[in-house]
Amino acid sequence: AGVGHHVTLSIVGVDRIPGYGYYRAKLRQ
């Protein structure tokens, strides 16, 4: 569609919580 900007809402600390599945999913996003 030619969208010029994508903004994603994520979580503070998502890369500092090892082994927590939901946060791994957000990192994948």
PDB file of all heavy atoms in Angstrom:
ATOM      1  N   ALA A   1       0.812  -1.221   0.000  1.00  0.00           N
ATOM      2  CA  ALA A   1       0.000   0.000   0.000  1.00  0.00           C
ATOM      3  C   ALA A   1       0.845   1.272   0.000  1.00  0.00           C
ATOM      4  O   ALA A   1       0.300   2.375  -0.103  1.00  0.00           O
ATOM      5  CB  ALA A   1      -0.933  -0.005   1.214  1.00  0.00           C
ATOM      6  N   GLY A   2       2.156   1.129   0.165  1.00  0.00           N
ATOM      7  CA  GLY A   2       3.025   2.304   0.196  1.00  0.00           C
ATOM      8  C   GLY A   2       2.994   3.051   1.517  1.00  0.00           C
ATOM      9  O   GLY A   2       3.239   4.265   1.565  1.00  0.00           O
ATOM     10  N   VAL A   3       2.707   2.350   2.601  1.00  0.00           N
ATOM     11  CA  VAL A   3       2.708   2.969   3.934  1.00  0.00           C
ATOM     12  C   VAL A   3       4.117   3.433   4.262  1.00  0.00           C
ATOM     13  O   VAL A   3       5.100   2.716   4.047  1.00  0.00           O
ATOM     14  CB  VAL A   3       2.199   1.960   4.988  1.00  0.00           C
ATOM     15  CG1 VAL A   3       2.405   2.509   6.401  1.00  0.00           C
ATOM     16  CG2 VAL A   3       0.734   1.636   4.750  1.00  0.00           C
ATOM     17  N   GLY A   4       4.232   4.644   4.819  1.00  0.00           N
ATOM     18  CA  GLY A   4       5.547   5.225   5.049  1.00  0.00           C
ATOM     19  C   GLY A   4       6.115   5.064   6.439  1.00  0.00           C
ATOM     20  O   GLY A   4       7.282   5.404   6.681  1.00  0.00           O
ATOM     21  N   HIS A   5       5.322   4.534   7.381  1.00  0.00           N
ATOM     22  CA  HIS A   5       5.808   4.449   8.771  1.00  0.00           C
ATOM     23  C   HIS A   5       5.018   3.367   9.502  1.00  0.00           C
ATOM     24  O   HIS A   5       3.788   3.368   9.482  1.00  0.00           O
ATOM     25  CB  HIS A   5       5.639   5.815   9.457  1.00  0.00           C
ATOM     26  CG  HIS A   5       6.258   5.907  10.819  1.00  0.00           C
ATOM     27  ND1 HIS A   5       6.060   7.007  11.635  1.00  0.00           N
ATOM     28  CD2 HIS A   5       7.050   5.061  11.528  1.00  0.00           C
ATOM     29  CE1 HIS A   5       6.710   6.835  12.763  1.00  0.00           C
ATOM     30  NE2 HIS A   5       7.319   5.651  12.726  1.00  0.00           N
ATOM     31  N   HIS A   6       5.743   2.449  10.120  1.00  0.00           N
ATOM     32  CA  HIS A   6       5.123   1.397  10.925  1.00  0.00           C
ATOM     33  C   HIS A   6       5.558   1.594  12.373  1.00  0.00           C
ATOM     34  O   HIS A   6       6.754   1.651  12.671  1.00  0.00           O
ATOM     35  CB  HIS A   6       5.570   0.016  10.435  1.00  0.00           C
ATOM     36  CG  HIS A   6       5.054  -1.117  11.271  1.00  0.00           C
ATOM     37  ND1 HIS A   6       3.945  -1.862  10.932  1.00  0.00           N
ATOM     38  CD2 HIS A   6       5.484  -1.625  12.461  1.00  0.00           C
ATOM     39  CE1 HIS A   6       3.729  -2.780  11.857  1.00  0.00           C
ATOM     40  NE2 HIS A   6       4.651  -2.658  12.792  1.00  0.00           N
ATOM     41  N   VAL A   7       4.585   1.656  13.288  1.00  0.00           N
ATOM     42  CA  VAL A   7       4.862   1.851  14.716  1.00  0.00           C
ATOM     43  C   VAL A   7       4.383   0.614  15.480  1.00  0.00           C
ATOM     44  O   VAL A   7       3.209   0.238  15.366  1.00  0.00           O
ATOM     45  CB  VAL A   7       4.156   3.104  15.269  1.00  0.00           C
ATOM     46  CG1 VAL A   7       4.482   3.287  16.757  1.00  0.00           C
ATOM     47  CG2 VAL A   7       4.558   4.337  14.482  1.00  0.00           C
ATOM     48  N   THR A   8       5.268  -0.001  16.230  1.00  0.00           N
ATOM     49  CA  THR A   8       4.912  -1.192  17.007  1.00  0.00           C
ATOM     50  C   THR A   8       5.021  -0.898  18.496  1.00  0.00           C
ATOM     51  O   THR A   8       6.010  -0.321  18.960  1.00  0.00           O
ATOM     52  CB  THR A   8       5.836  -2.374  16.662  1.00  0.00           C
ATOM     53  OG1 THR A   8       5.530  -2.839  15.348  1.00  0.00           O
ATOM     54  CG2 THR A   8       5.648  -3.532  17.631  1.00  0.00           C
ATOM     55  N   LEU A   9       4.013  -1.310  19.241  1.00  0.00           N
ATOM     56  CA  LEU A   9       4.042  -1.223  20.706  1.00  0.00           C
ATOM     57  C   LEU A   9       4.666  -2.494  21.263  1.00  0.00           C
ATOM     58  O   LEU A   9       4.210  -3.600  20.980  1.00  0.00           O
ATOM     59  CB  LEU A   9       2.629  -1.052  21.255  1.00  0.00           C
ATOM     60  CG  LEU A   9       2.499  -1.099  22.796  1.00  0.00           C
ATOM     61  CD1 LEU A   9       3.281   0.026  23.442  1.00  0.00           C
ATOM     62  CD2 LEU A   9       1.031  -1.043  23.189  1.00  0.00           C
ATOM     63  N   SER A  10       5.721  -2.325  22.055  1.00  0.00           N
ATOM     64  CA  SER A  10       6.374  -3.467  22.676  1.00  0.00           C
ATOM     65  C   SER A  10       6.496  -3.226  24.187  1.00  0.00           C
ATOM     66  O   SER A  10       5.814  -2.351  24.730  1.00  0.00           O
ATOM     67  CB  SER A  10       7.743  -3.728  22.031  1.00  0.00           C
ATOM     68  OG  SER A  10       8.252  -4.989  22.429  1.00  0.00           O
ATOM     69  N   ILE A  11       7.350  -3.990  24.854  1.00  0.00           N
ATOM     70  CA  ILE A  11       7.393  -3.994  26.318  1.00  0.00           C
ATOM     71  C   ILE A  11       8.791  -3.662  26.818  1.00  0.00           C
ATOM     72  O   ILE A  11       9.783  -4.245  26.354  1.00  0.00           O
ATOM     73  CB  ILE A  11       6.973  -5.373  26.873  1.00  0.00           C
ATOM     74  CG1 ILE A  11       5.614  -5.790  26.318  1.00  0.00           C
ATOM     75  CG2 ILE A  11       6.946  -5.365  28.402  1.00  0.00           C
ATOM     76  CD1 ILE A  11       5.274  -7.246  26.598  1.00  0.00           C
ATOM     77  N   VAL A  12       8.893  -2.779  27.784  1.00  0.00           N
ATOM     78  CA  VAL A  12      10.166  -2.472  28.435  1.00  0.00           C
ATOM     79  C   VAL A  12      10.701  -3.744  29.096  1.00  0.00           C
ATOM     80  O   VAL A  12       9.981  -4.450  29.802  1.00  0.00           O
ATOM     81  CB  VAL A  12       9.985  -1.359  29.488  1.00  0.00           C
ATOM     82  CG1 VAL A  12      11.227  -1.261  30.380  1.00  0.00           C
ATOM     83  CG2 VAL A  12       9.711  -0.024  28.817  1.00  0.00           C
ATOM     84  N   GLY A  13      11.964  -4.043  28.855  1.00  0.00           N
ATOM     85  CA  GLY A  13      12.595  -5.211  29.456  1.00  0.00           C
ATOM     86  C   GLY A  13      12.374  -6.502  28.705  1.00  0.00           C
ATOM     87  O   GLY A  13      12.788  -7.569  29.172  1.00  0.00           O
ATOM     88  N   VAL A  14      11.735  -6.439  27.535  1.00  0.00           N
ATOM     89  CA  VAL A  14      11.389  -7.660  26.801  1.00  0.00           C
ATOM     90  C   VAL A  14      12.637  -8.476  26.437  1.00  0.00           C
ATOM     91  O   VAL A  14      12.561  -9.696  26.274  1.00  0.00           O
ATOM     92  CB  VAL A  14      10.574  -7.296  25.542  1.00  0.00           C
ATOM     93  CG1 VAL A  14      11.440  -6.620  24.501  1.00  0.00           C
ATOM     94  CG2 VAL A  14       9.873  -8.501  24.970  1.00  0.00           C
ATOM     95  N   ASP A  15      13.780  -7.813  26.336  1.00  0.00           N
ATOM     96  CA  ASP A  15      15.025  -8.501  26.002  1.00  0.00           C
ATOM     97  C   ASP A  15      15.866  -8.810  27.239  1.00  0.00           C
ATOM     98  O   ASP A  15      17.007  -9.264  27.120  1.00  0.00           O
ATOM     99  CB  ASP A  15      15.838  -7.660  25.014  1.00  0.00           C
ATOM    100  CG  ASP A  15      16.060  -6.244  25.496  1.00  0.00           C
ATOM    101  OD1 ASP A  15      15.449  -5.831  26.508  1.00  0.00           O
ATOM    102  OD2 ASP A  15      16.841  -5.515  24.855  1.00  0.00           O
ATOM    103  N   ARG A  16      15.299  -8.578  28.425  1.00  0.00           N
ATOM    104  CA  ARG A  16      16.053  -8.820  29.663  1.00  0.00           C
ATOM    105  C   ARG A  16      15.409  -9.883  30.549  1.00  0.00           C
ATOM    106  O   ARG A  16      15.815 -10.051  31.696  1.00  0.00           O
ATOM    107  CB  ARG A  16      16.198  -7.501  30.447  1.00  0.00           C
ATOM    108  CG  ARG A  16      16.934  -6.403  29.694  1.00  0.00           C
ATOM    109  CD  ARG A  16      17.344  -5.269  30.615  1.00  0.00           C
ATOM    110  NE  ARG A  16      16.221  -4.548  31.169  1.00  0.00           N
ATOM    111  CZ  ARG A  16      15.691  -3.448  30.622  1.00  0.00           C
ATOM    112  NH1 ARG A  16      16.194  -2.987  29.485  1.00  0.00           N
ATOM    113  NH2 ARG A  16      14.683  -2.821  31.191  1.00  0.00           N
ATOM    114  N   ILE A  17      14.387 -10.576  30.028  1.00  0.00           N
ATOM    115  CA  ILE A  17      13.704 -11.619  30.787  1.00  0.00           C
ATOM    116  C   ILE A  17      13.955 -12.951  30.079  1.00  0.00           C
ATOM    117  O   ILE A  17      13.221 -13.324  29.156  1.00  0.00           O
ATOM    118  CB  ILE A  17      12.190 -11.359  30.890  1.00  0.00           C
ATOM    119  CG1 ILE A  17      11.906  -9.951  31.396  1.00  0.00           C
ATOM    120  CG2 ILE A  17      11.530 -12.395  31.786  1.00  0.00           C
ATOM    121  CD1 ILE A  17      12.341  -9.704  32.830  1.00  0.00           C
ATOM    122  N   PRO A  18      14.974 -13.690  30.466  1.00  0.00           N
ATOM    123  CA  PRO A  18      15.309 -14.930  29.750  1.00  0.00           C
ATOM    124  C   PRO A  18      14.286 -16.039  30.008  1.00  0.00           C
ATOM    125  O   PRO A  18      13.781 -16.198  31.117  1.00  0.00           O
ATOM    126  CB  PRO A  18      16.680 -15.306  30.336  1.00  0.00           C
ATOM    127  CG  PRO A  18      16.686 -14.697  31.710  1.00  0.00           C
ATOM    128  CD  PRO A  18      15.894 -13.416  31.581  1.00  0.00           C
ATOM    129  N   GLY A  19      13.957 -16.761  28.952  1.00  0.00           N
ATOM    130  CA  GLY A  19      13.144 -17.954  29.109  1.00  0.00           C
ATOM    131  C   GLY A  19      11.657 -17.738  29.288  1.00  0.00           C
ATOM    132  O   GLY A  19      10.927 -18.681  29.593  1.00  0.00           O
ATOM    133  N   TYR A  20      11.159 -16.513  29.099  1.00  0.00           N
ATOM    134  CA  TYR A  20       9.730 -16.258  29.258  1.00  0.00           C
ATOM    135  C   TYR A  20       9.095 -16.210  27.875  1.00  0.00           C
ATOM    136  O   TYR A  20       9.392 -15.322  27.074  1.00  0.00           O
ATOM    137  CB  TYR A  20       9.505 -14.957  30.018  1.00  0.00           C
ATOM    138  CG  TYR A  20       8.063 -14.679  30.384  1.00  0.00           C
ATOM    139  CD1 TYR A  20       7.301 -15.623  31.054  1.00  0.00           C
ATOM    140  CD2 TYR A  20       7.455 -13.469  30.051  1.00  0.00           C
ATOM    141  CE1 TYR A  20       5.978 -15.375  31.392  1.00  0.00           C
ATOM    142  CE2 TYR A  20       6.139 -13.210  30.394  1.00  0.00           C
ATOM    143  CZ  TYR A  20       5.407 -14.172  31.057  1.00  0.00           C
ATOM    144  OH  TYR A  20       4.095 -13.933  31.387  1.00  0.00           O
ATOM    145  N   GLY A  21       8.216 -17.168  27.572  1.00  0.00           N
ATOM    146  CA  GLY A  21       7.723 -17.378  26.230  1.00  0.00           C
ATOM    147  C   GLY A  21       7.045 -16.187  25.580  1.00  0.00           C
ATOM    148  O   GLY A  21       7.278 -15.895  24.402  1.00  0.00           O
ATOM    149  N   TYR A  22       6.188 -15.475  26.327  1.00  0.00           N
ATOM    150  CA  TYR A  22       5.467 -14.348  25.738  1.00  0.00           C
ATOM    151  C   TYR A  22       6.447 -13.252  25.305  1.00  0.00           C
ATOM    152  O   TYR A  22       6.278 -12.636  24.244  1.00  0.00           O
ATOM    153  CB  TYR A  22       4.451 -13.786  26.732  1.00  0.00           C
ATOM    154  CG  TYR A  22       3.657 -12.626  26.179  1.00  0.00           C
ATOM    155  CD1 TYR A  22       2.589 -12.836  25.318  1.00  0.00           C
ATOM    156  CD2 TYR A  22       3.989 -11.306  26.497  1.00  0.00           C
ATOM    157  CE1 TYR A  22       1.871 -11.770  24.789  1.00  0.00           C
ATOM    158  CE2 TYR A  22       3.277 -10.242  25.983  1.00  0.00           C
ATOM    159  CZ  TYR A  22       2.220 -10.484  25.127  1.00  0.00           C
ATOM    160  OH  TYR A  22       1.519  -9.428  24.605  1.00  0.00           O
ATOM    161  N   TYR A  23       7.477 -13.033  26.107  1.00  0.00           N
ATOM    162  CA  TYR A  23       8.448 -12.002  25.751  1.00  0.00           C
ATOM    163  C   TYR A  23       9.282 -12.424  24.540  1.00  0.00           C
ATOM    164  O   TYR A  23       9.678 -11.588  23.726  1.00  0.00           O
ATOM    165  CB  TYR A  23       9.345 -11.690  26.941  1.00  0.00           C
ATOM    166  CG  TYR A  23       8.693 -10.808  27.984  1.00  0.00           C
ATOM    167  CD1 TYR A  23       7.316 -10.591  27.974  1.00  0.00           C
ATOM    168  CD2 TYR A  23       9.433 -10.194  28.979  1.00  0.00           C
ATOM    169  CE1 TYR A  23       6.712  -9.792  28.913  1.00  0.00           C
ATOM    170  CE2 TYR A  23       8.828  -9.381  29.940  1.00  0.00           C
ATOM    171  CZ  TYR A  23       7.470  -9.192  29.896  1.00  0.00           C
ATOM    172  OH  TYR A  23       6.865  -8.396  30.839  1.00  0.00           O
ATOM    173  N   ARG A  24       9.563 -13.708  24.424  1.00  0.00           N
ATOM    174  CA  ARG A  24      10.237 -14.189  23.217  1.00  0.00           C
ATOM    175  C   ARG A  24       9.386 -13.897  21.979  1.00  0.00           C
ATOM    176  O   ARG A  24       9.904 -13.549  20.915  1.00  0.00           O
ATOM    177  CB  ARG A  24      10.495 -15.687  23.329  1.00  0.00           C
ATOM    178  CG  ARG A  24      11.636 -16.072  24.259  1.00  0.00           C
ATOM    179  CD  ARG A  24      11.774 -17.577  24.328  1.00  0.00           C
ATOM    180  NE  ARG A  24      12.887 -17.983  25.163  1.00  0.00           N
ATOM    181  CZ  ARG A  24      13.130 -19.246  25.508  1.00  0.00           C
ATOM    182  NH1 ARG A  24      12.331 -20.208  25.075  1.00  0.00           N
ATOM    183  NH2 ARG A  24      14.166 -19.546  26.282  1.00  0.00           N
ATOM    184  N   ALA A  25       8.080 -14.061  22.131  1.00  0.00           N
ATOM    185  CA  ALA A  25       7.177 -13.785  21.014  1.00  0.00           C
ATOM    186  C   ALA A  25       7.199 -12.304  20.649  1.00  0.00           C
ATOM    187  O   ALA A  25       7.181 -11.940  19.463  1.00  0.00           O
ATOM    188  CB  ALA A  25       5.763 -14.224  21.372  1.00  0.00           C
ATOM    189  N   LYS A  26       7.235 -11.431  21.644  1.00  0.00           N
ATOM    190  CA  LYS A  26       7.298  -9.992  21.363  1.00  0.00           C
ATOM    191  C   LYS A  26       8.630  -9.623  20.698  1.00  0.00           C
ATOM    192  O   LYS A  26       8.671  -8.757  19.819  1.00  0.00           O
ATOM    193  CB  LYS A  26       7.117  -9.194  22.664  1.00  0.00           C
ATOM    194  CG  LYS A  26       5.711  -9.236  23.226  1.00  0.00           C
ATOM    195  CD  LYS A  26       4.690  -8.565  22.310  1.00  0.00           C
ATOM    196  CE  LYS A  26       4.868  -7.067  22.240  1.00  0.00           C
ATOM    197  NZ  LYS A  26       3.830  -6.426  21.382  1.00  0.00           N
ATOM    198  N   LEU A  27       9.706 -10.291  21.102  1.00  0.00           N
ATOM    199  CA  LEU A  27      10.987 -10.046  20.440  1.00  0.00           C
ATOM    200  C   LEU A  27      10.938 -10.480  18.980  1.00  0.00           C
ATOM    201  O   LEU A  27      11.509  -9.826  18.103  1.00  0.00           O
ATOM    202  CB  LEU A  27      12.111 -10.790  21.168  1.00  0.00           C
ATOM    203  CG  LEU A  27      12.646 -10.124  22.435  1.00  0.00           C
ATOM    204  CD1 LEU A  27      13.660 -11.029  23.125  1.00  0.00           C
ATOM    205  CD2 LEU A  27      13.290  -8.775  22.118  1.00  0.00           C
ATOM    206  N   ARG A  28      10.242 -11.585  18.716  1.00  0.00           N
ATOM    207  CA  ARG A  28      10.072 -12.033  17.335  1.00  0.00           C
ATOM    208  C   ARG A  28       9.320 -10.974  16.539  1.00  0.00           C
ATOM    209  O   ARG A  28       9.655 -10.683  15.375  1.00  0.00           O
ATOM    210  CB  ARG A  28       9.314 -13.364  17.317  1.00  0.00           C
ATOM    211  CG  ARG A  28       8.956 -13.868  15.931  1.00  0.00           C
ATOM    212  CD  ARG A  28      10.183 -14.109  15.089  1.00  0.00           C
ATOM    213  NE  ARG A  28       9.833 -14.627  13.776  1.00  0.00           N
ATOM    214  CZ  ARG A  28      10.508 -14.355  12.669  1.00  0.00           C
ATOM    215  NH1 ARG A  28      11.589 -13.590  12.713  1.00  0.00           N
ATOM    216  NH2 ARG A  28      10.137 -14.869  11.518  1.00  0.00           N
ATOM    217  N   GLN A  29       8.312 -10.376  17.144  1.00  0.00           N
ATOM    218  CA  GLN A  29       7.562  -9.306  16.494  1.00  0.00           C
ATOM    219  C   GLN A  29       8.489  -8.139  16.166  1.00  0.00           C
ATOM    220  O   GLN A  29       8.446  -7.582  15.050  1.00  0.00           O
ATOM    221  CB  GLN A  29       6.431  -8.840  17.398  1.00  0.00           C
ATOM    222  CG  GLN A  29       5.552  -7.753  16.798  1.00  0.00           C
ATOM    223  CD  GLN A  29       4.565  -7.191  17.803  1.00  0.00           C
ATOM    224  OE1 GLN A  29       4.859  -7.085  18.994  1.00  0.00           O
ATOM    225  NE2 GLN A  29       3.378  -6.855  17.334  1.00  0.00           N
TER     226      GLN A  29
END
